All heavy atoms as atom14 arrays in JSON, in Angstrom:
{
  "sequence": "FYLGVGTGLAISSPDTATATAITQYFGGTVTGTSTDDNDTAVRFFAG",
  "atom14_mask": [
    [1, 1, 1, 1, 1, 1, 1, 1, 1, 1, 1, 0, 0, 0],
    [1, 1, 1, 1, 1, 1, 1, 1, 1, 1, 1, 1, 0, 0],
    [1, 1, 1, 1, 1, 1, 1, 1, 0, 0, 0, 0, 0, 0],
    [1, 1, 1, 1, 0, 0, 0, 0, 0, 0, 0, 0, 0, 0],
    [1, 1, 1, 1, 1, 1, 1, 0, 0, 0, 0, 0, 0, 0],
    [1, 1, 1, 1, 0, 0, 0, 0, 0, 0, 0, 0, 0, 0],
    [1, 1, 1, 1, 1, 1, 1, 0, 0, 0, 0, 0, 0, 0],
    [1, 1, 1, 1, 0, 0, 0, 0, 0, 0, 0, 0, 0, 0],
    [1, 1, 1, 1, 1, 1, 1, 1, 0, 0, 0, 0, 0, 0],
    [1, 1, 1, 1, 1, 0, 0, 0, 0, 0, 0, 0, 0, 0],
    [1, 1, 1, 1, 1, 1, 1, 1, 0, 0, 0, 0, 0, 0],
    [1, 1, 1, 1, 1, 1, 0, 0, 0, 0, 0, 0, 0, 0],
    [1, 1, 1, 1, 1, 1, 0, 0, 0, 0, 0, 0, 0, 0],
    [1, 1, 1, 1, 1, 1, 1, 0, 0, 0, 0, 0, 0, 0],
    [1, 1, 1, 1, 1, 1, 1, 1, 0, 0, 0, 0, 0, 0],
    [1, 1, 1, 1, 1, 1, 1, 0, 0, 0, 0, 0, 0, 0],
    [1, 1, 1, 1, 1, 0, 0, 0, 0, 0, 0, 0, 0, 0],
    [1, 1, 1, 1, 1, 1, 1, 0, 0, 0, 0, 0, 0, 0],
    [1, 1, 1, 1, 1, 0, 0, 0, 0, 0, 0, 0, 0, 0],
    [1, 1, 1, 1, 1, 1, 1, 0, 0, 0, 0, 0, 0, 0],
    [1, 1, 1, 1, 1, 0, 0, 0, 0, 0, 0, 0, 0, 0],
    [1, 1, 1, 1, 1, 1, 1, 1, 0, 0, 0, 0, 0, 0],
    [1, 1, 1, 1, 1, 1, 1, 0, 0, 0, 0, 0, 0, 0],
    [1, 1, 1, 1, 1, 1, 1, 1, 1, 0, 0, 0, 0, 0],
    [1, 1, 1, 1, 1, 1, 1, 1, 1, 1, 1, 1, 0, 0],
    [1, 1, 1, 1, 1, 1, 1, 1, 1, 1, 1, 0, 0, 0],
    [1, 1, 1, 1, 0, 0, 0, 0, 0, 0, 0, 0, 0, 0],
    [1, 1, 1, 1, 0, 0, 0, 0, 0, 0, 0, 0, 0, 0],
    [1, 1, 1, 1, 1, 1, 1, 0, 0, 0, 0, 0, 0, 0],
    [1, 1, 1, 1, 1, 1, 1, 0, 0, 0, 0, 0, 0, 0],
    [1, 1, 1, 1, 1, 1, 1, 0, 0, 0, 0, 0, 0, 0],
    [1, 1, 1, 1, 0, 0, 0, 0, 0, 0, 0, 0, 0, 0],
    [1, 1, 1, 1, 1, 1, 1, 0, 0, 0, 0, 0, 0, 0],
    [1, 1, 1, 1, 1, 1, 0, 0, 0, 0, 0, 0, 0, 0],
    [1, 1, 1, 1, 1, 1, 1, 0, 0, 0, 0, 0, 0, 0],
    [1, 1, 1, 1, 1, 1, 1, 1, 0, 0, 0, 0, 0, 0],
    [1, 1, 1, 1, 1, 1, 1, 1, 0, 0, 0, 0, 0, 0],
    [1, 1, 1, 1, 1, 1, 1, 1, 0, 0, 0, 0, 0, 0],
    [1, 1, 1, 1, 1, 1, 1, 1, 0, 0, 0, 0, 0, 0],
    [1, 1, 1, 1, 1, 1, 1, 0, 0, 0, 0, 0, 0, 0],
    [1, 1, 1, 1, 1, 0, 0, 0, 0, 0, 0, 0, 0, 0],
    [1, 1, 1, 1, 1, 1, 1, 0, 0, 0, 0, 0, 0, 0],
    [1, 1, 1, 1, 1, 1, 1, 1, 1, 1, 1, 0, 0, 0],
    [1, 1, 1, 1, 1, 1, 1, 1, 1, 1, 1, 0, 0, 0],
    [1, 1, 1, 1, 1, 1, 1, 1, 1, 1, 1, 0, 0, 0],
    [1, 1, 1, 1, 1, 0, 0, 0, 0, 0, 0, 0, 0, 0],
    [1, 1, 1, 1, 0, 0, 0, 0, 0, 0, 0, 0, 0, 0]
  ],
  "atom14_positions": [
    [[61.53, 91.0, 91.01], [62.77, 91.81, 91.22], [63.2, 91.56, 92.68], [62.4, 91.41, 93.6], [62.4, 93.25, 90.99], [63.54, 94.21, 91.19], [64.64, 94.18, 90.36], [63.52, 95.06, 92.33], [65.75, 95.12, 90.61], [64.6, 95.91, 92.53], [65.65, 95.97, 91.71], [0.0, 0.0, 0.0], [0.0, 0.0, 0.0], [0.0, 0.0, 0.0]],
    [[64.54, 91.63, 92.89], [65.06, 91.52, 94.25], [66.35, 92.39, 94.4], [67.02, 92.67, 93.44], [65.39, 90.08, 94.61], [66.41, 89.37, 93.77], [67.74, 89.45, 94.03], [66.01, 88.6, 92.66], [68.72, 88.81, 93.25], [66.94, 87.94, 91.88], [68.27, 88.06, 92.17], [69.2, 87.4, 91.37], [0.0, 0.0, 0.0], [0.0, 0.0, 0.0]],
    [[66.56, 92.78, 95.64], [67.84, 93.41, 96.02], [68.55, 92.62, 97.08], [67.87, 91.94, 97.88], [67.55, 94.86, 96.57], [66.93, 95.87, 95.6], [66.57, 97.16, 96.34], [67.9, 96.17, 94.47], [0.0, 0.0, 0.0], [0.0, 0.0, 0.0], [0.0, 0.0, 0.0], [0.0, 0.0, 0.0], [0.0, 0.0, 0.0], [0.0, 0.0, 0.0]],
    [[69.87, 92.71, 97.17], [70.58, 91.98, 98.15], [71.85, 92.59, 98.66], [72.43, 93.47, 97.93], [0.0, 0.0, 0.0], [0.0, 0.0, 0.0], [0.0, 0.0, 0.0], [0.0, 0.0, 0.0], [0.0, 0.0, 0.0], [0.0, 0.0, 0.0], [0.0, 0.0, 0.0], [0.0, 0.0, 0.0], [0.0, 0.0, 0.0], [0.0, 0.0, 0.0]],
    [[72.25, 92.31, 99.85], [73.54, 92.75, 100.43], [74.17, 91.58, 101.2], [73.38, 90.79, 101.82], [73.28, 93.95, 101.28], [72.36, 93.64, 102.46], [74.63, 94.5, 101.84], [0.0, 0.0, 0.0], [0.0, 0.0, 0.0], [0.0, 0.0, 0.0], [0.0, 0.0, 0.0], [0.0, 0.0, 0.0], [0.0, 0.0, 0.0], [0.0, 0.0, 0.0]],
    [[75.45, 91.47, 101.12], [76.11, 90.37, 101.82], [77.5, 90.61, 102.21], [78.12, 91.62, 101.78], [0.0, 0.0, 0.0], [0.0, 0.0, 0.0], [0.0, 0.0, 0.0], [0.0, 0.0, 0.0], [0.0, 0.0, 0.0], [0.0, 0.0, 0.0], [0.0, 0.0, 0.0], [0.0, 0.0, 0.0], [0.0, 0.0, 0.0], [0.0, 0.0, 0.0]],
    [[78.04, 89.78, 103.05], [79.42, 89.87, 103.5], [79.98, 88.49, 103.72], [79.21, 87.53, 103.91], [79.58, 90.77, 104.78], [80.95, 90.95, 105.04], [78.93, 90.05, 105.96], [0.0, 0.0, 0.0], [0.0, 0.0, 0.0], [0.0, 0.0, 0.0], [0.0, 0.0, 0.0], [0.0, 0.0, 0.0], [0.0, 0.0, 0.0], [0.0, 0.0, 0.0]],
    [[81.34, 88.41, 103.7], [81.93, 87.11, 103.9], [83.45, 87.17, 103.79], [84.07, 88.17, 104.21], [0.0, 0.0, 0.0], [0.0, 0.0, 0.0], [0.0, 0.0, 0.0], [0.0, 0.0, 0.0], [0.0, 0.0, 0.0], [0.0, 0.0, 0.0], [0.0, 0.0, 0.0], [0.0, 0.0, 0.0], [0.0, 0.0, 0.0], [0.0, 0.0, 0.0]],
    [[84.04, 86.15, 103.13], [85.47, 86.0, 103.1], [85.88, 85.88, 101.66], [85.38, 85.08, 100.91], [85.9, 84.82, 103.88], [87.43, 84.58, 104.0], [88.1, 85.69, 104.83], [87.68, 83.19, 104.6], [0.0, 0.0, 0.0], [0.0, 0.0, 0.0], [0.0, 0.0, 0.0], [0.0, 0.0, 0.0], [0.0, 0.0, 0.0], [0.0, 0.0, 0.0]],
    [[86.88, 86.75, 101.27], [87.53, 86.63, 99.91], [88.93, 86.07, 100.12], [89.76, 86.66, 100.8], [87.55, 88.05, 99.26], [0.0, 0.0, 0.0], [0.0, 0.0, 0.0], [0.0, 0.0, 0.0], [0.0, 0.0, 0.0], [0.0, 0.0, 0.0], [0.0, 0.0, 0.0], [0.0, 0.0, 0.0], [0.0, 0.0, 0.0], [0.0, 0.0, 0.0]],
    [[89.24, 84.97, 99.41], [90.52, 84.34, 99.52], [91.21, 84.38, 98.18], [90.63, 83.98, 97.14], [90.37, 82.84, 99.94], [89.6, 82.77, 101.29], [91.71, 82.17, 100.1], [89.17, 81.37, 101.7], [0.0, 0.0, 0.0], [0.0, 0.0, 0.0], [0.0, 0.0, 0.0], [0.0, 0.0, 0.0], [0.0, 0.0, 0.0], [0.0, 0.0, 0.0]],
    [[92.46, 84.89, 98.08], [93.19, 84.98, 96.85], [94.47, 84.24, 96.94], [94.77, 83.58, 97.95], [93.38, 86.47, 96.52], [94.23, 87.06, 97.54], [0.0, 0.0, 0.0], [0.0, 0.0, 0.0], [0.0, 0.0, 0.0], [0.0, 0.0, 0.0], [0.0, 0.0, 0.0], [0.0, 0.0, 0.0], [0.0, 0.0, 0.0], [0.0, 0.0, 0.0]],
    [[95.31, 84.35, 95.89], [96.67, 83.72, 95.89], [97.64, 84.79, 95.34], [97.96, 84.83, 94.14], [96.66, 82.5, 95.01], [96.13, 82.72, 93.71], [0.0, 0.0, 0.0], [0.0, 0.0, 0.0], [0.0, 0.0, 0.0], [0.0, 0.0, 0.0], [0.0, 0.0, 0.0], [0.0, 0.0, 0.0], [0.0, 0.0, 0.0], [0.0, 0.0, 0.0]],
    [[98.08, 85.7, 96.22], [98.95, 86.8, 95.81], [100.19, 86.41, 95.06], [100.78, 85.32, 95.33], [99.27, 87.53, 97.16], [98.18, 87.15, 98.06], [97.77, 85.75, 97.69], [0.0, 0.0, 0.0], [0.0, 0.0, 0.0], [0.0, 0.0, 0.0], [0.0, 0.0, 0.0], [0.0, 0.0, 0.0], [0.0, 0.0, 0.0], [0.0, 0.0, 0.0]],
    [[100.64, 87.27, 94.16], [101.73, 87.0, 93.25], [103.08, 87.23, 93.89], [103.64, 88.33, 93.85], [101.56, 87.86, 92.0], [102.57, 87.53, 90.9], [103.38, 86.59, 91.1], [102.62, 88.26, 89.88], [0.0, 0.0, 0.0], [0.0, 0.0, 0.0], [0.0, 0.0, 0.0], [0.0, 0.0, 0.0], [0.0, 0.0, 0.0], [0.0, 0.0, 0.0]],
    [[103.64, 86.2, 94.49], [104.95, 86.36, 95.2], [106.1, 86.42, 94.13], [107.12, 87.01, 94.44], [105.21, 85.16, 96.12], [105.12, 83.96, 95.42], [104.17, 85.13, 97.28], [0.0, 0.0, 0.0], [0.0, 0.0, 0.0], [0.0, 0.0, 0.0], [0.0, 0.0, 0.0], [0.0, 0.0, 0.0], [0.0, 0.0, 0.0], [0.0, 0.0, 0.0]],
    [[105.9, 85.74, 92.99], [106.98, 85.76, 92.0], [107.3, 87.15, 91.46], [108.48, 87.56, 91.4], [106.62, 84.82, 90.86], [0.0, 0.0, 0.0], [0.0, 0.0, 0.0], [0.0, 0.0, 0.0], [0.0, 0.0, 0.0], [0.0, 0.0, 0.0], [0.0, 0.0, 0.0], [0.0, 0.0, 0.0], [0.0, 0.0, 0.0], [0.0, 0.0, 0.0]],
    [[106.27, 87.93, 91.15], [106.52, 89.25, 90.6], [107.11, 90.16, 91.68], [108.0, 90.97, 91.46], [105.24, 89.84, 90.07], [104.74, 89.03, 88.96], [105.46, 91.28, 89.54], [0.0, 0.0, 0.0], [0.0, 0.0, 0.0], [0.0, 0.0, 0.0], [0.0, 0.0, 0.0], [0.0, 0.0, 0.0], [0.0, 0.0, 0.0], [0.0, 0.0, 0.0]],
    [[106.6, 90.06, 92.93], [107.1, 90.86, 94.04], [108.55, 90.58, 94.3], [109.39, 91.46, 94.48], [106.27, 90.6, 95.3], [0.0, 0.0, 0.0], [0.0, 0.0, 0.0], [0.0, 0.0, 0.0], [0.0, 0.0, 0.0], [0.0, 0.0, 0.0], [0.0, 0.0, 0.0], [0.0, 0.0, 0.0], [0.0, 0.0, 0.0], [0.0, 0.0, 0.0]],
    [[108.89, 89.28, 94.23], [110.3, 88.9, 94.47], [111.18, 89.45, 93.37], [112.29, 89.99, 93.6], [110.41, 87.38, 94.46], [109.69, 86.89, 95.6], [111.91, 86.92, 94.59], [0.0, 0.0, 0.0], [0.0, 0.0, 0.0], [0.0, 0.0, 0.0], [0.0, 0.0, 0.0], [0.0, 0.0, 0.0], [0.0, 0.0, 0.0], [0.0, 0.0, 0.0]],
    [[110.74, 89.4, 92.06], [111.47, 89.88, 90.94], [111.77, 91.42, 91.06], [112.83, 91.89, 90.72], [110.75, 89.57, 89.67], [0.0, 0.0, 0.0], [0.0, 0.0, 0.0], [0.0, 0.0, 0.0], [0.0, 0.0, 0.0], [0.0, 0.0, 0.0], [0.0, 0.0, 0.0], [0.0, 0.0, 0.0], [0.0, 0.0, 0.0], [0.0, 0.0, 0.0]],
    [[110.72, 92.16, 91.53], [110.92, 93.63, 91.7], [111.97, 93.89, 92.74], [112.84, 94.8, 92.58], [109.57, 94.29, 92.03], [108.59, 94.14, 90.88], [109.8, 95.76, 92.4], [107.2, 94.66, 91.16], [0.0, 0.0, 0.0], [0.0, 0.0, 0.0], [0.0, 0.0, 0.0], [0.0, 0.0, 0.0], [0.0, 0.0, 0.0], [0.0, 0.0, 0.0]],
    [[111.82, 93.22, 93.88], [112.86, 93.41, 94.95], [114.3, 93.1, 94.42], [115.2, 93.84, 94.71], [112.49, 92.52, 96.11], [111.27, 93.02, 96.76], [113.61, 92.61, 97.2], [0.0, 0.0, 0.0], [0.0, 0.0, 0.0], [0.0, 0.0, 0.0], [0.0, 0.0, 0.0], [0.0, 0.0, 0.0], [0.0, 0.0, 0.0], [0.0, 0.0, 0.0]],
    [[114.46, 92.08, 93.69], [115.7, 91.64, 93.16], [116.27, 92.66, 92.14], [117.42, 92.94, 92.05], [115.65, 90.25, 92.56], [115.49, 89.12, 93.54], [115.24, 87.81, 92.97], [114.7, 87.64, 91.84], [115.62, 86.78, 93.68], [0.0, 0.0, 0.0], [0.0, 0.0, 0.0], [0.0, 0.0, 0.0], [0.0, 0.0, 0.0], [0.0, 0.0, 0.0]],
    [[115.31, 93.2, 91.36], [115.69, 94.18, 90.36], [116.31, 95.41, 91.01], [117.25, 96.0, 90.45], [114.42, 94.67, 89.62], [114.71, 95.75, 88.63], [115.24, 95.51, 87.31], [114.39, 97.12, 88.93], [115.46, 96.49, 86.42], [114.62, 98.16, 88.03], [115.16, 97.8, 86.77], [115.38, 98.83, 85.9], [0.0, 0.0, 0.0], [0.0, 0.0, 0.0]],
    [[115.9, 95.78, 92.24], [116.45, 96.92, 92.91], [117.6, 96.52, 93.78], [118.04, 97.25, 94.69], [115.37, 97.62, 93.75], [114.47, 98.46, 92.93], [113.19, 97.98, 92.61], [114.88, 99.7, 92.46], [112.37, 98.77, 91.83], [114.06, 100.45, 91.66], [112.76, 100.05, 91.36], [0.0, 0.0, 0.0], [0.0, 0.0, 0.0], [0.0, 0.0, 0.0]],
    [[118.17, 95.32, 93.6], [119.36, 94.94, 94.26], [119.19, 94.21, 95.61], [120.13, 93.92, 96.32], [0.0, 0.0, 0.0], [0.0, 0.0, 0.0], [0.0, 0.0, 0.0], [0.0, 0.0, 0.0], [0.0, 0.0, 0.0], [0.0, 0.0, 0.0], [0.0, 0.0, 0.0], [0.0, 0.0, 0.0], [0.0, 0.0, 0.0], [0.0, 0.0, 0.0]],
    [[117.93, 93.84, 95.94], [117.63, 93.14, 97.18], [118.04, 91.72, 97.13], [118.02, 91.09, 96.06], [0.0, 0.0, 0.0], [0.0, 0.0, 0.0], [0.0, 0.0, 0.0], [0.0, 0.0, 0.0], [0.0, 0.0, 0.0], [0.0, 0.0, 0.0], [0.0, 0.0, 0.0], [0.0, 0.0, 0.0], [0.0, 0.0, 0.0], [0.0, 0.0, 0.0]],
    [[118.37, 91.13, 98.26], [118.65, 89.66, 98.38], [117.45, 89.07, 99.15], [117.33, 89.23, 100.3], [119.97, 89.42, 99.19], [121.02, 90.14, 98.55], [120.23, 87.93, 99.27], [0.0, 0.0, 0.0], [0.0, 0.0, 0.0], [0.0, 0.0, 0.0], [0.0, 0.0, 0.0], [0.0, 0.0, 0.0], [0.0, 0.0, 0.0], [0.0, 0.0, 0.0]],
    [[116.64, 88.37, 98.34], [115.39, 87.8, 98.91], [115.71, 86.54, 99.74], [116.23, 85.6, 99.23], [114.38, 87.49, 97.81], [113.13, 86.81, 98.34], [114.03, 88.75, 96.99], [0.0, 0.0, 0.0], [0.0, 0.0, 0.0], [0.0, 0.0, 0.0], [0.0, 0.0, 0.0], [0.0, 0.0, 0.0], [0.0, 0.0, 0.0], [0.0, 0.0, 0.0]],
    [[115.31, 86.63, 100.98], [115.51, 85.46, 101.86], [114.21, 84.87, 102.32], [114.16, 83.77, 102.97], [116.27, 85.94, 103.18], [115.56, 87.0, 103.8], [117.68, 86.41, 102.82], [0.0, 0.0, 0.0], [0.0, 0.0, 0.0], [0.0, 0.0, 0.0], [0.0, 0.0, 0.0], [0.0, 0.0, 0.0], [0.0, 0.0, 0.0], [0.0, 0.0, 0.0]],
    [[113.05, 85.41, 101.91], [111.76, 84.84, 102.23], [110.61, 85.75, 101.84], [110.81, 86.94, 101.57], [0.0, 0.0, 0.0], [0.0, 0.0, 0.0], [0.0, 0.0, 0.0], [0.0, 0.0, 0.0], [0.0, 0.0, 0.0], [0.0, 0.0, 0.0], [0.0, 0.0, 0.0], [0.0, 0.0, 0.0], [0.0, 0.0, 0.0], [0.0, 0.0, 0.0]],
    [[109.44, 85.15, 101.75], [108.23, 85.93, 101.47], [107.08, 85.42, 102.35], [107.11, 84.3, 102.8], [107.8, 85.77, 100.0], [107.46, 84.39, 99.72], [108.83, 86.26, 99.03], [0.0, 0.0, 0.0], [0.0, 0.0, 0.0], [0.0, 0.0, 0.0], [0.0, 0.0, 0.0], [0.0, 0.0, 0.0], [0.0, 0.0, 0.0], [0.0, 0.0, 0.0]],
    [[106.16, 86.26, 102.61], [104.98, 85.95, 103.27], [103.72, 86.59, 102.63], [103.95, 87.66, 101.96], [104.99, 86.3, 104.79], [105.11, 87.67, 104.97], [0.0, 0.0, 0.0], [0.0, 0.0, 0.0], [0.0, 0.0, 0.0], [0.0, 0.0, 0.0], [0.0, 0.0, 0.0], [0.0, 0.0, 0.0], [0.0, 0.0, 0.0], [0.0, 0.0, 0.0]],
    [[102.56, 86.03, 102.79], [101.37, 86.59, 102.13], [100.22, 86.71, 103.1], [100.16, 85.94, 104.1], [100.91, 85.72, 100.96], [100.51, 84.42, 101.47], [102.0, 85.59, 99.95], [0.0, 0.0, 0.0], [0.0, 0.0, 0.0], [0.0, 0.0, 0.0], [0.0, 0.0, 0.0], [0.0, 0.0, 0.0], [0.0, 0.0, 0.0], [0.0, 0.0, 0.0]],
    [[99.41, 87.71, 102.88], [98.12, 87.79, 103.54], [97.06, 87.62, 102.47], [96.84, 88.52, 101.65], [98.0, 89.19, 104.26], [96.67, 89.29, 104.98], [95.84, 88.35, 104.93], [96.43, 90.35, 105.6], [0.0, 0.0, 0.0], [0.0, 0.0, 0.0], [0.0, 0.0, 0.0], [0.0, 0.0, 0.0], [0.0, 0.0, 0.0], [0.0, 0.0, 0.0]],
    [[96.47, 86.47, 102.4], [95.65, 86.1, 101.23], [94.18, 86.17, 101.42], [93.39, 85.72, 100.52], [96.03, 84.76, 100.71], [95.79, 83.65, 101.78], [95.26, 83.95, 102.78], [96.04, 82.44, 101.41], [0.0, 0.0, 0.0], [0.0, 0.0, 0.0], [0.0, 0.0, 0.0], [0.0, 0.0, 0.0], [0.0, 0.0, 0.0], [0.0, 0.0, 0.0]],
    [[93.65, 86.71, 102.54], [92.19, 86.77, 102.68], [91.84, 88.08, 103.39], [92.62, 88.64, 104.15], [91.69, 85.58, 103.45], [92.29, 85.42, 104.88], [91.73, 86.1, 105.82], [93.36, 84.68, 105.03], [0.0, 0.0, 0.0], [0.0, 0.0, 0.0], [0.0, 0.0, 0.0], [0.0, 0.0, 0.0], [0.0, 0.0, 0.0], [0.0, 0.0, 0.0]],
    [[90.6, 88.52, 103.14], [90.03, 89.69, 103.73], [88.54, 89.64, 103.69], [87.95, 88.72, 103.07], [90.62, 90.96, 103.05], [90.51, 92.23, 103.88], [90.05, 92.11, 105.0], [90.88, 93.3, 103.42], [0.0, 0.0, 0.0], [0.0, 0.0, 0.0], [0.0, 0.0, 0.0], [0.0, 0.0, 0.0], [0.0, 0.0, 0.0], [0.0, 0.0, 0.0]],
    [[87.92, 90.58, 104.35], [86.45, 90.63, 104.33], [85.95, 91.1, 102.94], [86.44, 92.03, 102.37], [85.94, 91.59, 105.37], [86.4, 91.15, 106.66], [84.45, 91.7, 105.4], [0.0, 0.0, 0.0], [0.0, 0.0, 0.0], [0.0, 0.0, 0.0], [0.0, 0.0, 0.0], [0.0, 0.0, 0.0], [0.0, 0.0, 0.0], [0.0, 0.0, 0.0]],
    [[84.93, 90.41, 102.48], [84.28, 90.75, 101.2], [82.92, 91.37, 101.53], [82.22, 90.94, 102.39], [84.12, 89.53, 100.31], [0.0, 0.0, 0.0], [0.0, 0.0, 0.0], [0.0, 0.0, 0.0], [0.0, 0.0, 0.0], [0.0, 0.0, 0.0], [0.0, 0.0, 0.0], [0.0, 0.0, 0.0], [0.0, 0.0, 0.0], [0.0, 0.0, 0.0]],
    [[82.56, 92.36, 100.72], [81.23, 93.02, 100.81], [80.7, 93.08, 99.44], [81.35, 93.47, 98.52], [81.35, 94.47, 101.45], [79.97, 95.06, 101.55], [81.98, 94.35, 102.87], [0.0, 0.0, 0.0], [0.0, 0.0, 0.0], [0.0, 0.0, 0.0], [0.0, 0.0, 0.0], [0.0, 0.0, 0.0], [0.0, 0.0, 0.0], [0.0, 0.0, 0.0]],
    [[79.36, 92.76, 99.37], [78.76, 92.85, 98.01], [77.31, 93.38, 98.09], [76.6, 93.19, 99.07], [78.79, 91.51, 97.32], [78.36, 90.27, 98.09], [78.75, 88.99, 97.46], [78.47, 88.96, 96.05], [77.38, 88.55, 95.53], [76.39, 88.06, 96.26], [77.22, 88.49, 94.19], [0.0, 0.0, 0.0], [0.0, 0.0, 0.0], [0.0, 0.0, 0.0]],
    [[76.93, 94.03, 96.98], [75.61, 94.57, 96.81], [75.12, 94.11, 95.45], [75.85, 94.12, 94.47], [75.55, 96.07, 96.87], [76.12, 96.64, 98.1], [77.47, 97.0, 98.21], [75.26, 96.93, 99.23], [78.0, 97.53, 99.37], [75.82, 97.46, 100.39], [77.17, 97.74, 100.45], [0.0, 0.0, 0.0], [0.0, 0.0, 0.0], [0.0, 0.0, 0.0]],
    [[73.88, 93.62, 95.33], [73.42, 93.07, 94.06], [71.91, 93.28, 93.88], [71.15, 93.56, 94.84], [73.77, 91.56, 93.95], [73.24, 90.71, 95.03], [72.03, 90.07, 94.96], [73.99, 90.52, 96.2], [71.57, 89.26, 95.98], [73.58, 89.75, 97.22], [72.3, 89.1, 97.1], [0.0, 0.0, 0.0], [0.0, 0.0, 0.0], [0.0, 0.0, 0.0]],
    [[71.48, 93.17, 92.63], [70.12, 93.29, 92.25], [69.83, 92.32, 91.11], [70.75, 92.04, 90.25], [69.78, 94.7, 91.79], [0.0, 0.0, 0.0], [0.0, 0.0, 0.0], [0.0, 0.0, 0.0], [0.0, 0.0, 0.0], [0.0, 0.0, 0.0], [0.0, 0.0, 0.0], [0.0, 0.0, 0.0], [0.0, 0.0, 0.0], [0.0, 0.0, 0.0]],
    [[68.66, 91.76, 91.04], [68.34, 90.79, 90.04], [66.87, 90.75, 89.67], [66.07, 91.31, 90.37], [0.0, 0.0, 0.0], [0.0, 0.0, 0.0], [0.0, 0.0, 0.0], [0.0, 0.0, 0.0], [0.0, 0.0, 0.0], [0.0, 0.0, 0.0], [0.0, 0.0, 0.0], [0.0, 0.0, 0.0], [0.0, 0.0, 0.0], [0.0, 0.0, 0.0]]
  ]
}
């Protein structure tokens, strides 16, 4: 049996298309988008 704890980097690909569509639905004129696609990951595990 073992226990573990760790940390590192989680990288994703955020959904710009849906965000843009919501802004346009409310009458916005989209001129650009930006994303923050990574953050610290923390995990705990047992096996």
